[in-house]
C-alpha atoms as a PDB file:
ATOM      1  CA  GLN A   1    -123.015 182.456 -69.673  1.00  0.00           C
ATOM      2  CA  VAL A   2    -124.694 179.070 -69.664  1.00  0.00           C
ATOM      3  CA  GLN A   3    -122.968 176.597 -71.931  1.00  0.00           C
ATOM      4  CA  LEU A   4    -123.175 173.048 -73.160  1.00  0.00           C
ATOM      5  CA  GLU A   5    -120.069 171.742 -74.912  1.00  0.00           C
ATOM      6  CA  GLU A   6    -120.037 168.391 -76.685  1.00  0.00           C
ATOM      7  CA  SER A   7    -117.008 166.309 -77.604  1.00  0.00           C
ATOM      8  CA  GLY A   8    -116.118 162.728 -78.445  1.00  0.00           C
ATOM      9  CA  GLY A   9    -117.331 162.415 -82.007  1.00  0.00           C
ATOM     10  CA  GLY A  10    -115.216 160.931 -84.759  1.00  0.00           C
ATOM     11  CA  LEU A  11    -114.906 158.201 -87.340  1.00  0.00           C
ATOM     12  CA  VAL A  12    -115.657 154.642 -86.260  1.00  0.00           C
ATOM     13  CA  GLN A  13    -116.145 151.369 -88.108  1.00  0.00           C
ATOM     14  CA  PRO A  14    -119.496 149.567 -88.097  1.00  0.00           C
ATOM     15  CA  GLY A  15    -119.869 147.629 -84.863  1.00  0.00           C
ATOM     16  CA  GLY A  16    -117.597 150.022 -83.009  1.00  0.00           C
ATOM     17  CA  SER A  17    -118.215 152.225 -79.980  1.00  0.00           C
ATOM     18  CA  LEU A  18    -117.908 155.882 -79.042  1.00  0.00           C
ATOM     19  CA  THR A  19    -118.697 157.894 -75.939  1.00  0.00           C
ATOM     20  CA  LEU A  20    -119.942 161.446 -76.363  1.00  0.00           C
ATOM     21  CA  THR A  21    -119.428 163.966 -73.591  1.00  0.00           C
ATOM     22  CA  CYS A  22    -121.438 167.104 -72.833  1.00  0.00           C
ATOM     23  CA  VAL A  23    -119.919 169.436 -70.246  1.00  0.00           C
ATOM     24  CA  VAL A  24    -122.638 171.642 -68.785  1.00  0.00           C
ATOM     25  CA  SER A  25    -122.379 174.908 -66.896  1.00  0.00           C
ATOM     26  CA  GLU A  26    -122.323 173.996 -63.229  1.00  0.00           C
ATOM     27  CA  SER A  27    -124.945 176.644 -62.430  1.00  0.00           C
ATOM     28  CA  ILE A  28    -127.723 174.742 -64.225  1.00  0.00           C
ATOM     29  CA  PHE A  29    -126.673 171.103 -64.110  1.00  0.00           C
ATOM     30  CA  ASP A  30    -128.655 170.026 -61.057  1.00  0.00           C
ATOM     31  CA  ASN A  31    -131.891 171.640 -62.234  1.00  0.00           C
ATOM     32  CA  TYR A  32    -132.196 170.347 -65.789  1.00  0.00           C
ATOM     33  CA  GLY A  33    -132.968 167.148 -67.582  1.00  0.00           C
ATOM     34  CA  PHE A  34    -130.857 166.558 -70.663  1.00  0.00           C
ATOM     35  CA  ASN A  35    -131.322 165.050 -74.090  1.00  0.00           C
ATOM     36  CA  TRP A  36    -129.094 163.899 -76.884  1.00  0.00           C
ATOM     37  CA  HIS A  37    -130.419 164.668 -80.355  1.00  0.00           C
ATOM     38  CA  ARG A  38    -128.962 163.868 -83.730  1.00  0.00           C
ATOM     39  CA  GLN A  39    -129.330 165.204 -87.234  1.00  0.00           C
ATOM     40  CA  ALA A  40    -128.243 163.218 -90.258  1.00  0.00           C
ATOM     41  CA  PRO A  41    -127.617 164.906 -93.619  1.00  0.00           C
ATOM     42  CA  GLY A  42    -130.909 165.782 -95.275  1.00  0.00           C
ATOM     43  CA  LYS A  43    -132.973 164.627 -92.302  1.00  0.00           C
ATOM     44  CA  GLN A  44    -134.764 166.274 -89.405  1.00  0.00           C
ATOM     45  CA  ARG A  45    -133.236 166.441 -85.973  1.00  0.00           C
ATOM     46  CA  GLU A  46    -134.464 163.617 -83.734  1.00  0.00           C
ATOM     47  CA  VAL A  47    -134.245 162.742 -80.068  1.00  0.00           C
ATOM     48  CA  VAL A  48    -131.911 159.857 -79.286  1.00  0.00           C
ATOM     49  CA  ALA A  49    -131.958 159.621 -75.491  1.00  0.00           C
ATOM     50  CA  SER A  50    -133.100 161.575 -72.447  1.00  0.00           C
ATOM     51  CA  ILE A  51    -132.226 161.672 -68.765  1.00  0.00           C
ATOM     52  CA  THR A  52    -134.172 163.393 -66.017  1.00  0.00           C
ATOM     53  CA  VAL A  53    -132.870 165.384 -63.055  1.00  0.00           C
ATOM     54  CA  ASP A  54    -133.268 162.224 -60.969  1.00  0.00           C
ATOM     55  CA  GLY A  55    -131.364 160.093 -63.461  1.00  0.00           C
ATOM     56  CA  TYR A  56    -134.220 158.268 -65.161  1.00  0.00           C
ATOM     57  CA  SER A  57    -133.400 157.527 -68.772  1.00  0.00           C
ATOM     58  CA  SER A  58    -135.362 156.837 -71.935  1.00  0.00           C
ATOM     59  CA  TYR A  59    -134.354 155.993 -75.482  1.00  0.00           C
ATOM     60  CA  ALA A  60    -135.585 156.165 -79.041  1.00  0.00           C
ATOM     61  CA  PRO A  61    -136.491 152.686 -80.318  1.00  0.00           C
ATOM     62  CA  PHE A  62    -133.722 152.746 -82.907  1.00  0.00           C
ATOM     63  CA  VAL A  63    -130.968 153.039 -80.263  1.00  0.00           C
ATOM     64  CA  LYS A  64    -132.508 151.098 -77.389  1.00  0.00           C
ATOM     65  CA  ASP A  65    -130.117 148.432 -76.006  1.00  0.00           C
ATOM     66  CA  ARG A  66    -127.199 149.990 -77.921  1.00  0.00           C
ATOM     67  CA  PHE A  67    -126.865 153.454 -76.370  1.00  0.00           C
ATOM     68  CA  ASP A  68    -126.623 154.468 -72.719  1.00  0.00           C
ATOM     69  CA  ILE A  69    -127.145 157.987 -71.357  1.00  0.00           C
ATOM     70  CA  SER A  70    -125.787 158.975 -67.968  1.00  0.00           C
ATOM     71  CA  ARG A  71    -124.989 162.063 -65.910  1.00  0.00           C
ATOM     72  CA  ASP A  72    -122.203 162.822 -63.450  1.00  0.00           C
ATOM     73  CA  LYS A  73    -123.032 165.496 -60.900  1.00  0.00           C
ATOM     74  CA  ALA A  74    -119.459 165.945 -59.690  1.00  0.00           C
ATOM     75  CA  LYS A  75    -118.247 166.646 -63.211  1.00  0.00           C
ATOM     76  CA  HIS A  76    -121.494 168.368 -64.360  1.00  0.00           C
ATOM     77  CA  THR A  77    -121.297 166.231 -67.446  1.00  0.00           C
ATOM     78  CA  VAL A  78    -123.736 164.181 -69.479  1.00  0.00           C
ATOM     79  CA  TYR A  79    -122.528 161.145 -71.411  1.00  0.00           C
ATOM     80  CA  LEU A  80    -123.832 159.107 -74.322  1.00  0.00           C
ATOM     81  CA  LYS A  81    -122.173 155.720 -74.622  1.00  0.00           C
ATOM     82  CA  MET A  82    -122.841 154.290 -78.083  1.00  0.00           C
ATOM     83  CA  ASN A  83    -122.225 150.631 -78.891  1.00  0.00           C
ATOM     84  CA  ASN A  84    -122.616 148.577 -82.063  1.00  0.00           C
ATOM     85  CA  LEU A  85    -122.668 151.696 -84.198  1.00  0.00           C
ATOM     86  CA  GLN A  86    -124.048 151.368 -87.707  1.00  0.00           C
ATOM     87  CA  PRO A  87    -123.766 153.592 -90.792  1.00  0.00           C
ATOM     88  CA  GLU A  88    -127.285 154.879 -90.182  1.00  0.00           C
ATOM     89  CA  ASP A  89    -126.058 156.345 -86.869  1.00  0.00           C
ATOM     90  CA  THR A  90    -123.927 158.828 -88.824  1.00  0.00           C
ATOM     91  CA  ALA A  91    -125.063 162.308 -87.793  1.00  0.00           C
ATOM     92  CA  VAL A  92    -124.199 165.423 -85.855  1.00  0.00           C
ATOM     93  CA  TYR A  93    -125.066 164.743 -82.218  1.00  0.00           C
ATOM     94  CA  TYR A  94    -126.285 167.591 -80.033  1.00  0.00           C
ATOM     95  CA  CYS A  95    -126.619 167.933 -76.292  1.00  0.00           C
ATOM     96  CA  ASN A  96    -129.752 169.736 -75.158  1.00  0.00           C
ATOM     97  CA  ALA A  97    -130.915 171.024 -71.789  1.00  0.00           C
ATOM     98  CA  ALA A  98    -134.659 170.807 -71.194  1.00  0.00           C
ATOM     99  CA  GLY A  99    -135.441 171.541 -74.814  1.00  0.00           C
ATOM    100  CA  VAL A 100    -134.096 175.063 -74.480  1.00  0.00           C
ATOM    101  CA  LEU A 101    -130.294 175.185 -74.484  1.00  0.00           C
ATOM    102  CA  TRP A 102    -128.141 173.594 -77.185  1.00  0.00           C
ATOM    103  CA  GLY A 103    -124.518 172.726 -77.696  1.00  0.00           C
ATOM    104  CA  GLN A 104    -122.697 173.175 -80.978  1.00  0.00           C
ATOM    105  CA  GLY A 105    -122.783 169.489 -81.891  1.00  0.00           C
ATOM    106  CA  THR A 106    -120.210 166.791 -82.535  1.00  0.00           C
ATOM    107  CA  LEU A 107    -119.988 164.741 -85.727  1.00  0.00           C
ATOM    108  CA  VAL A 108    -120.166 160.956 -85.596  1.00  0.00           C
ATOM    109  CA  THR A 109    -119.316 159.102 -88.796  1.00  0.00           C
ATOM    110  CA  VAL A 110    -119.765 155.336 -89.020  1.00  0.00           C
ATOM    111  CA  SER A 111    -118.037 153.915 -92.051  1.00  0.00           C
ATOM    112  CA  SER A 112    -115.695 151.146 -93.100  1.00  0.00           C
END
């Protein structure tokens, strides 16, 4: 069974950092690009960052220069390093494979 499992969410103060982790089934890792999405309460889900099979990354304007997406082939894991977090970054963050497969999400809360 193909799985994506996120972890790393939590409570952080404004200006703080978190790194989200998405462990992907080894059978699909090399063949898929991955995205991180987020959904804040009462809002639509939105794309935060994407990384291709070859490791090329792209970001939504509202996280550019603050977030960094990466992938580790040996660990079949996708990361989202988030810096200078702000209250508006509070959301459930989801890992997604090629727009098709989804993890269960991990909650990030930014509050003082």
